[in-house]
Amino acid sequence: MLNQESKKHNVGEWASLRNTSPEIAEAIFEVAKYDEKKAEQIWEEGNDDVLALAFSRTDKDSLFWGEQTIERKNV
């Protein structure tokens, strides 16, 4: 079982490989309960709960999800 530091490192690397904001990646994995297969599915299909969670944890006005930029005002 991964400890909290390992989870953060793995999520950060996962986000980098997918050109996705770390805030969104962390929210994806939290929603997926750290199941990488579920996380990949959420990343591919999108999820409004992920966006709300990601923006609730940052003061940034925009985050990126792959090639898409998500504006806070649109969430």
PDB file of N, CA and C in Angstrom:
ATOM      1  N   MET A   1       0.846  -1.183   0.000  1.00  0.00           N
ATOM      2  CA  MET A   1       0.000   0.000   0.000  1.00  0.00           C
ATOM      3  C   MET A   1       0.886   1.239   0.000  1.00  0.00           C
ATOM      4  N   LEU A   2       0.506   2.215  -0.794  1.00  0.00           N
ATOM      5  CA  LEU A   2       1.298   3.431  -0.895  1.00  0.00           C
ATOM      6  C   LEU A   2       1.019   4.370   0.270  1.00  0.00           C
ATOM      7  N   ASN A   3       2.081   5.028   0.753  1.00  0.00           N
ATOM      8  CA  ASN A   3       1.860   6.043   1.768  1.00  0.00           C
ATOM      9  C   ASN A   3       1.499   7.367   1.088  1.00  0.00           C
ATOM     10  N   GLN A   4       1.176   8.365   1.869  1.00  0.00           N
ATOM     11  CA  GLN A   4       0.701   9.639   1.325  1.00  0.00           C
ATOM     12  C   GLN A   4       1.736  10.292   0.404  1.00  0.00           C
ATOM     13  N   GLU A   5       3.008  10.249   0.773  1.00  0.00           N
ATOM     14  CA  GLU A   5       4.058  10.846  -0.059  1.00  0.00           C
ATOM     15  C   GLU A   5       4.183  10.127  -1.397  1.00  0.00           C
ATOM     16  N   SER A   6       4.109   8.810  -1.374  1.00  0.00           N
ATOM     17  CA  SER A   6       4.180   8.039  -2.618  1.00  0.00           C
ATOM     18  C   SER A   6       3.003   8.366  -3.523  1.00  0.00           C
ATOM     19  N   LYS A   7       1.824   8.485  -2.928  1.00  0.00           N
ATOM     20  CA  LYS A   7       0.631   8.826  -3.705  1.00  0.00           C
ATOM     21  C   LYS A   7       0.822  10.176  -4.388  1.00  0.00           C
ATOM     22  N   LYS A   8       1.288  11.166  -3.637  1.00  0.00           N
ATOM     23  CA  LYS A   8       1.480  12.505  -4.214  1.00  0.00           C
ATOM     24  C   LYS A   8       2.497  12.477  -5.341  1.00  0.00           C
ATOM     25  N   HIS A   9       3.580  11.745  -5.163  1.00  0.00           N
ATOM     26  CA  HIS A   9       4.604  11.651  -6.198  1.00  0.00           C
ATOM     27  C   HIS A   9       4.024  10.985  -7.443  1.00  0.00           C
ATOM     28  N   ASN A  10       3.344   9.874  -7.268  1.00  0.00           N
ATOM     29  CA  ASN A  10       2.761   9.158  -8.404  1.00  0.00           C
ATOM     30  C   ASN A  10       1.727  10.005  -9.125  1.00  0.00           C
ATOM     31  N   VAL A  11       0.896  10.720  -8.388  1.00  0.00           N
ATOM     32  CA  VAL A  11      -0.118  11.578  -8.997  1.00  0.00           C
ATOM     33  C   VAL A  11       0.552  12.724  -9.750  1.00  0.00           C
ATOM     34  N   GLY A  12       1.603  13.292  -9.178  1.00  0.00           N
ATOM     35  CA  GLY A  12       2.325  14.372  -9.848  1.00  0.00           C
ATOM     36  C   GLY A  12       2.943  13.911 -11.156  1.00  0.00           C
ATOM     37  N   GLU A  13       3.530  12.742 -11.146  1.00  0.00           N
ATOM     38  CA  GLU A  13       4.119  12.183 -12.362  1.00  0.00           C
ATOM     39  C   GLU A  13       3.030  11.882 -13.391  1.00  0.00           C
ATOM     40  N   TRP A  14       1.931  11.319 -12.941  1.00  0.00           N
ATOM     41  CA  TRP A  14       0.780  10.994 -13.791  1.00  0.00           C
ATOM     42  C   TRP A  14       0.262  12.271 -14.457  1.00  0.00           C
ATOM     43  N   ALA A  15       0.138  13.345 -13.677  1.00  0.00           N
ATOM     44  CA  ALA A  15      -0.349  14.633 -14.198  1.00  0.00           C
ATOM     45  C   ALA A  15       0.600  15.174 -15.258  1.00  0.00           C
ATOM     46  N   SER A  16       1.875  15.105 -14.981  1.00  0.00           N
ATOM     47  CA  SER A  16       2.879  15.619 -15.910  1.00  0.00           C
ATOM     48  C   SER A  16       2.828  14.887 -17.250  1.00  0.00           C
ATOM     49  N   LEU A  17       2.700  13.575 -17.191  1.00  0.00           N
ATOM     50  CA  LEU A  17       2.646  12.775 -18.417  1.00  0.00           C
ATOM     51  C   LEU A  17       1.412  13.098 -19.261  1.00  0.00           C
ATOM     52  N   ARG A  18       0.356  13.577 -18.614  1.00  0.00           N
ATOM     53  CA  ARG A  18      -0.898  13.855 -19.319  1.00  0.00           C
ATOM     54  C   ARG A  18      -1.151  15.345 -19.529  1.00  0.00           C
ATOM     55  N   ASN A  19      -0.141  16.163 -19.238  1.00  0.00           N
ATOM     56  CA  ASN A  19      -0.265  17.609 -19.397  1.00  0.00           C
ATOM     57  C   ASN A  19      -1.511  18.132 -18.678  1.00  0.00           C
ATOM     58  N   THR A  20      -1.669  17.702 -17.437  1.00  0.00           N
ATOM     59  CA  THR A  20      -2.835  18.039 -16.632  1.00  0.00           C
ATOM     60  C   THR A  20      -2.378  18.713 -15.341  1.00  0.00           C
ATOM     61  N   SER A  21      -3.111  19.725 -14.919  1.00  0.00           N
ATOM     62  CA  SER A  21      -2.783  20.413 -13.673  1.00  0.00           C
ATOM     63  C   SER A  21      -2.743  19.432 -12.508  1.00  0.00           C
ATOM     64  N   PRO A  22      -1.779  19.582 -11.622  1.00  0.00           N
ATOM     65  CA  PRO A  22      -1.708  18.692 -10.459  1.00  0.00           C
ATOM     66  C   PRO A  22      -2.984  18.725  -9.624  1.00  0.00           C
ATOM     67  N   GLU A  23      -3.622  19.885  -9.542  1.00  0.00           N
ATOM     68  CA  GLU A  23      -4.862  19.994  -8.765  1.00  0.00           C
ATOM     69  C   GLU A  23      -5.952  19.091  -9.352  1.00  0.00           C
ATOM     70  N   ILE A  24      -6.033  19.065 -10.667  1.00  0.00           N
ATOM     71  CA  ILE A  24      -7.030  18.207 -11.319  1.00  0.00           C
ATOM     72  C   ILE A  24      -6.647  16.737 -11.147  1.00  0.00           C
ATOM     73  N   ALA A  25      -5.379  16.422 -11.314  1.00  0.00           N
ATOM     74  CA  ALA A  25      -4.939  15.034 -11.149  1.00  0.00           C
ATOM     75  C   ALA A  25      -5.219  14.530  -9.739  1.00  0.00           C
ATOM     76  N   GLU A  26      -4.925  15.351  -8.737  1.00  0.00           N
ATOM     77  CA  GLU A  26      -5.194  14.949  -7.354  1.00  0.00           C
ATOM     78  C   GLU A  26      -6.685  14.710  -7.137  1.00  0.00           C
ATOM     79  N   ALA A  27      -7.521  15.577  -7.688  1.00  0.00           N
ATOM     80  CA  ALA A  27      -8.976  15.409  -7.553  1.00  0.00           C
ATOM     81  C   ALA A  27      -9.444  14.149  -8.283  1.00  0.00           C
ATOM     82  N   ILE A  28      -8.892  13.895  -9.455  1.00  0.00           N
ATOM     83  CA  ILE A  28      -9.244  12.676 -10.202  1.00  0.00           C
ATOM     84  C   ILE A  28      -8.938  11.448  -9.354  1.00  0.00           C
ATOM     85  N   PHE A  29      -7.748  11.387  -8.782  1.00  0.00           N
ATOM     86  CA  PHE A  29      -7.369  10.217  -7.996  1.00  0.00           C
ATOM     87  C   PHE A  29      -8.186  10.100  -6.717  1.00  0.00           C
ATOM     88  N   GLU A  30      -8.545  11.225  -6.126  1.00  0.00           N
ATOM     89  CA  GLU A  30      -9.384  11.163  -4.931  1.00  0.00           C
ATOM     90  C   GLU A  30     -10.762  10.597  -5.281  1.00  0.00           C
ATOM     91  N   VAL A  31     -11.353  11.077  -6.355  1.00  0.00           N
ATOM     92  CA  VAL A  31     -12.661  10.578  -6.795  1.00  0.00           C
ATOM     93  C   VAL A  31     -12.563   9.096  -7.171  1.00  0.00           C
ATOM     94  N   ALA A  32     -11.434   8.707  -7.765  1.00  0.00           N
ATOM     95  CA  ALA A  32     -11.218   7.316  -8.181  1.00  0.00           C
ATOM     96  C   ALA A  32     -10.730   6.425  -7.037  1.00  0.00           C
ATOM     97  N   LYS A  33     -10.617   6.999  -5.839  1.00  0.00           N
ATOM     98  CA  LYS A  33     -10.119   6.272  -4.669  1.00  0.00           C
ATOM     99  C   LYS A  33      -8.752   5.630  -4.944  1.00  0.00           C
ATOM    100  N   TYR A  34      -7.917   6.371  -5.650  1.00  0.00           N
ATOM    101  CA  TYR A  34      -6.537   5.992  -5.990  1.00  0.00           C
ATOM    102  C   TYR A  34      -6.433   4.724  -6.826  1.00  0.00           C
ATOM    103  N   ASP A  35      -7.484   4.409  -7.557  1.00  0.00           N
ATOM    104  CA  ASP A  35      -7.469   3.302  -8.506  1.00  0.00           C
ATOM    105  C   ASP A  35      -7.060   3.880  -9.861  1.00  0.00           C
ATOM    106  N   GLU A  36      -5.864   3.510 -10.336  1.00  0.00           N
ATOM    107  CA  GLU A  36      -5.336   4.122 -11.557  1.00  0.00           C
ATOM    108  C   GLU A  36      -6.200   3.843 -12.778  1.00  0.00           C
ATOM    109  N   LYS A  37      -6.793   2.684 -12.855  1.00  0.00           N
ATOM    110  CA  LYS A  37      -7.672   2.363 -13.987  1.00  0.00           C
ATOM    111  C   LYS A  37      -8.899   3.286 -13.994  1.00  0.00           C
ATOM    112  N   LYS A  38      -9.507   3.483 -12.821  1.00  0.00           N
ATOM    113  CA  LYS A  38     -10.646   4.401 -12.719  1.00  0.00           C
ATOM    114  C   LYS A  38     -10.209   5.838 -13.003  1.00  0.00           C
ATOM    115  N   ALA A  39      -9.029   6.198 -12.521  1.00  0.00           N
ATOM    116  CA  ALA A  39      -8.512   7.552 -12.747  1.00  0.00           C
ATOM    117  C   ALA A  39      -8.345   7.811 -14.243  1.00  0.00           C
ATOM    118  N   GLU A  40      -7.813   6.846 -14.948  1.00  0.00           N
ATOM    119  CA  GLU A  40      -7.625   6.985 -16.394  1.00  0.00           C
ATOM    120  C   GLU A  40      -8.978   7.164 -17.089  1.00  0.00           C
ATOM    121  N   GLN A  41      -9.969   6.415 -16.655  1.00  0.00           N
ATOM    122  CA  GLN A  41     -11.305   6.525 -17.239  1.00  0.00           C
ATOM    123  C   GLN A  41     -11.895   7.916 -16.979  1.00  0.00           C
ATOM    124  N   ILE A  42     -11.743   8.415 -15.771  1.00  0.00           N
ATOM    125  CA  ILE A  42     -12.235   9.753 -15.446  1.00  0.00           C
ATOM    126  C   ILE A  42     -11.500  10.789 -16.279  1.00  0.00           C
ATOM    127  N   TRP A  43     -10.186  10.639 -16.423  1.00  0.00           N
ATOM    128  CA  TRP A  43      -9.402  11.601 -17.198  1.00  0.00           C
ATOM    129  C   TRP A  43      -9.887  11.633 -18.649  1.00  0.00           C
ATOM    130  N   GLU A  44     -10.185  10.470 -19.210  1.00  0.00           N
ATOM    131  CA  GLU A  44     -10.621  10.394 -20.599  1.00  0.00           C
ATOM    132  C   GLU A  44     -12.042  10.917 -20.799  1.00  0.00           C
ATOM    133  N   GLU A  45     -12.929  10.664 -19.847  1.00  0.00           N
ATOM    134  CA  GLU A  45     -14.338  10.994 -20.014  1.00  0.00           C
ATOM    135  C   GLU A  45     -14.734  12.334 -19.410  1.00  0.00           C
ATOM    136  N   GLY A  46     -13.934  12.843 -18.470  1.00  0.00           N
ATOM    137  CA  GLY A  46     -14.281  14.081 -17.786  1.00  0.00           C
ATOM    138  C   GLY A  46     -15.182  13.806 -16.595  1.00  0.00           C
ATOM    139  N   ASN A  47     -15.292  14.797 -15.707  1.00  0.00           N
ATOM    140  CA  ASN A  47     -16.117  14.635 -14.518  1.00  0.00           C
ATOM    141  C   ASN A  47     -16.257  15.994 -13.846  1.00  0.00           C
ATOM    142  N   ASP A  48     -17.485  16.487 -13.739  1.00  0.00           N
ATOM    143  CA  ASP A  48     -17.729  17.796 -13.130  1.00  0.00           C
ATOM    144  C   ASP A  48     -17.358  17.823 -11.649  1.00  0.00           C
ATOM    145  N   ASP A  49     -17.530  16.703 -10.944  1.00  0.00           N
ATOM    146  CA  ASP A  49     -17.167  16.648  -9.529  1.00  0.00           C
ATOM    147  C   ASP A  49     -15.670  16.879  -9.341  1.00  0.00           C
ATOM    148  N   VAL A  50     -14.888  16.360 -10.262  1.00  0.00           N
ATOM    149  CA  VAL A  50     -13.435  16.540 -10.208  1.00  0.00           C
ATOM    150  C   VAL A  50     -13.092  18.022 -10.344  1.00  0.00           C
ATOM    151  N   LEU A  51     -13.736  18.691 -11.284  1.00  0.00           N
ATOM    152  CA  LEU A  51     -13.447  20.108 -11.489  1.00  0.00           C
ATOM    153  C   LEU A  51     -13.816  20.937 -10.263  1.00  0.00           C
ATOM    154  N   ALA A  52     -14.970  20.685  -9.689  1.00  0.00           N
ATOM    155  CA  ALA A  52     -15.387  21.425  -8.494  1.00  0.00           C
ATOM    156  C   ALA A  52     -14.402  21.196  -7.353  1.00  0.00           C
ATOM    157  N   LEU A  53     -13.981  19.955  -7.162  1.00  0.00           N
ATOM    158  CA  LEU A  53     -13.027  19.627  -6.111  1.00  0.00           C
ATOM    159  C   LEU A  53     -11.675  20.293  -6.362  1.00  0.00           C
ATOM    160  N   ALA A  54     -11.193  20.224  -7.581  1.00  0.00           N
ATOM    161  CA  ALA A  54      -9.893  20.823  -7.918  1.00  0.00           C
ATOM    162  C   ALA A  54      -9.902  22.334  -7.679  1.00  0.00           C
ATOM    163  N   PHE A  55     -10.941  23.019  -8.136  1.00  0.00           N
ATOM    164  CA  PHE A  55     -10.992  24.469  -7.956  1.00  0.00           C
ATOM    165  C   PHE A  55     -11.226  24.863  -6.498  1.00  0.00           C
ATOM    166  N   SER A  56     -11.835  23.986  -5.718  1.00  0.00           N
ATOM    167  CA  SER A  56     -12.057  24.306  -4.306  1.00  0.00           C
ATOM    168  C   SER A  56     -10.748  24.321  -3.527  1.00  0.00           C
ATOM    169  N   ARG A  57      -9.702  23.744  -4.102  1.00  0.00           N
ATOM    170  CA  ARG A  57      -8.415  23.630  -3.407  1.00  0.00           C
ATOM    171  C   ARG A  57      -7.340  24.575  -3.922  1.00  0.00           C
ATOM    172  N   THR A  58      -7.736  25.478  -4.796  1.00  0.00           N
ATOM    173  CA  THR A  58      -6.752  26.418  -5.338  1.00  0.00           C
ATOM    174  C   THR A  58      -7.417  27.764  -5.570  1.00  0.00           C
ATOM    175  N   ASP A  59      -6.598  28.798  -5.680  1.00  0.00           N
ATOM    176  CA  ASP A  59      -7.145  30.111  -6.009  1.00  0.00           C
ATOM    177  C   ASP A  59      -6.872  30.471  -7.470  1.00  0.00           C
ATOM    178  N   LYS A  60      -6.354  29.523  -8.232  1.00  0.00           N
ATOM    179  CA  LYS A  60      -6.089  29.755  -9.657  1.00  0.00           C
ATOM    180  C   LYS A  60      -7.407  29.929 -10.406  1.00  0.00           C
ATOM    181  N   ASP A  61      -7.388  30.770 -11.432  1.00  0.00           N
ATOM    182  CA  ASP A  61      -8.584  31.011 -12.240  1.00  0.00           C
ATOM    183  C   ASP A  61      -8.730  30.040 -13.396  1.00  0.00           C
ATOM    184  N   SER A  62      -7.650  29.307 -13.719  1.00  0.00           N
ATOM    185  CA  SER A  62      -7.750  28.312 -14.782  1.00  0.00           C
ATOM    186  C   SER A  62      -6.806  27.143 -14.484  1.00  0.00           C
ATOM    187  N   LEU A  63      -7.244  25.986 -14.908  1.00  0.00           N
ATOM    188  CA  LEU A  63      -6.463  24.765 -14.775  1.00  0.00           C
ATOM    189  C   LEU A  63      -6.510  24.061 -16.118  1.00  0.00           C
ATOM    190  N   PHE A  64      -5.568  23.180 -16.366  1.00  0.00           N
ATOM    191  CA  PHE A  64      -5.583  22.485 -17.644  1.00  0.00           C
ATOM    192  C   PHE A  64      -5.800  21.000 -17.444  1.00  0.00           C
ATOM    193  N   TRP A  65      -6.564  20.450 -18.377  1.00  0.00           N
ATOM    194  CA  TRP A  65      -6.909  19.022 -18.381  1.00  0.00           C
ATOM    195  C   TRP A  65      -6.549  18.536 -19.769  1.00  0.00           C
ATOM    196  N   GLY A  66      -5.371  17.973 -19.896  1.00  0.00           N
ATOM    197  CA  GLY A  66      -4.879  17.589 -21.217  1.00  0.00           C
ATOM    198  C   GLY A  66      -4.698  18.840 -22.062  1.00  0.00           C
ATOM    199  N   GLU A  67      -5.304  18.871 -23.216  1.00  0.00           N
ATOM    200  CA  GLU A  67      -5.169  20.026 -24.111  1.00  0.00           C
ATOM    201  C   GLU A  67      -6.233  21.090 -23.871  1.00  0.00           C
ATOM    202  N   GLN A  68      -7.069  20.905 -22.864  1.00  0.00           N
ATOM    203  CA  GLN A  68      -8.157  21.817 -22.595  1.00  0.00           C
ATOM    204  C   GLN A  68      -7.854  22.681 -21.373  1.00  0.00           C
ATOM    205  N   THR A  69      -8.102  23.976 -21.489  1.00  0.00           N
ATOM    206  CA  THR A  69      -7.982  24.873 -20.350  1.00  0.00           C
ATOM    207  C   THR A  69      -9.372  25.077 -19.778  1.00  0.00           C
ATOM    208  N   ILE A  70      -9.498  24.855 -18.475  1.00  0.00           N
ATOM    209  CA  ILE A  70     -10.778  24.986 -17.780  1.00  0.00           C
ATOM    210  C   ILE A  70     -10.740  26.264 -16.959  1.00  0.00           C
ATOM    211  N   GLU A  71     -11.694  27.141 -17.182  1.00  0.00           N
ATOM    212  CA  GLU A  71     -11.799  28.392 -16.449  1.00  0.00           C
ATOM    213  C   GLU A  71     -12.685  28.203 -15.216  1.00  0.00           C
ATOM    214  N   ARG A  72     -12.255  28.772 -14.090  1.00  0.00           N
ATOM    215  CA  ARG A  72     -13.035  28.686 -12.862  1.00  0.00           C
ATOM    216  C   ARG A  72     -14.467  29.167 -13.075  1.00  0.00           C
ATOM    217  N   LYS A  73     -14.633  30.248 -13.814  1.00  0.00           N
ATOM    218  CA  LYS A  73     -15.971  30.837 -14.000  1.00  0.00           C
ATOM    219  C   LYS A  73     -16.929  29.887 -14.748  1.00  0.00           C
ATOM    220  N   ASN A  74     -16.399  28.865 -15.401  1.00  0.00           N
ATOM    221  CA  ASN A  74     -17.231  27.927 -16.154  1.00  0.00           C
ATOM    222  C   ASN A  74     -17.546  26.651 -15.370  1.00  0.00           C
ATOM    223  N   VAL A  75     -17.090  26.606 -14.125  1.00  0.00           N
ATOM    224  CA  VAL A  75     -17.304  25.389 -13.321  1.00  0.00           C
ATOM    225  C   VAL A  75     -18.459  25.608 -12.380  1.00  0.00           C
TER     226      VAL A  75
END
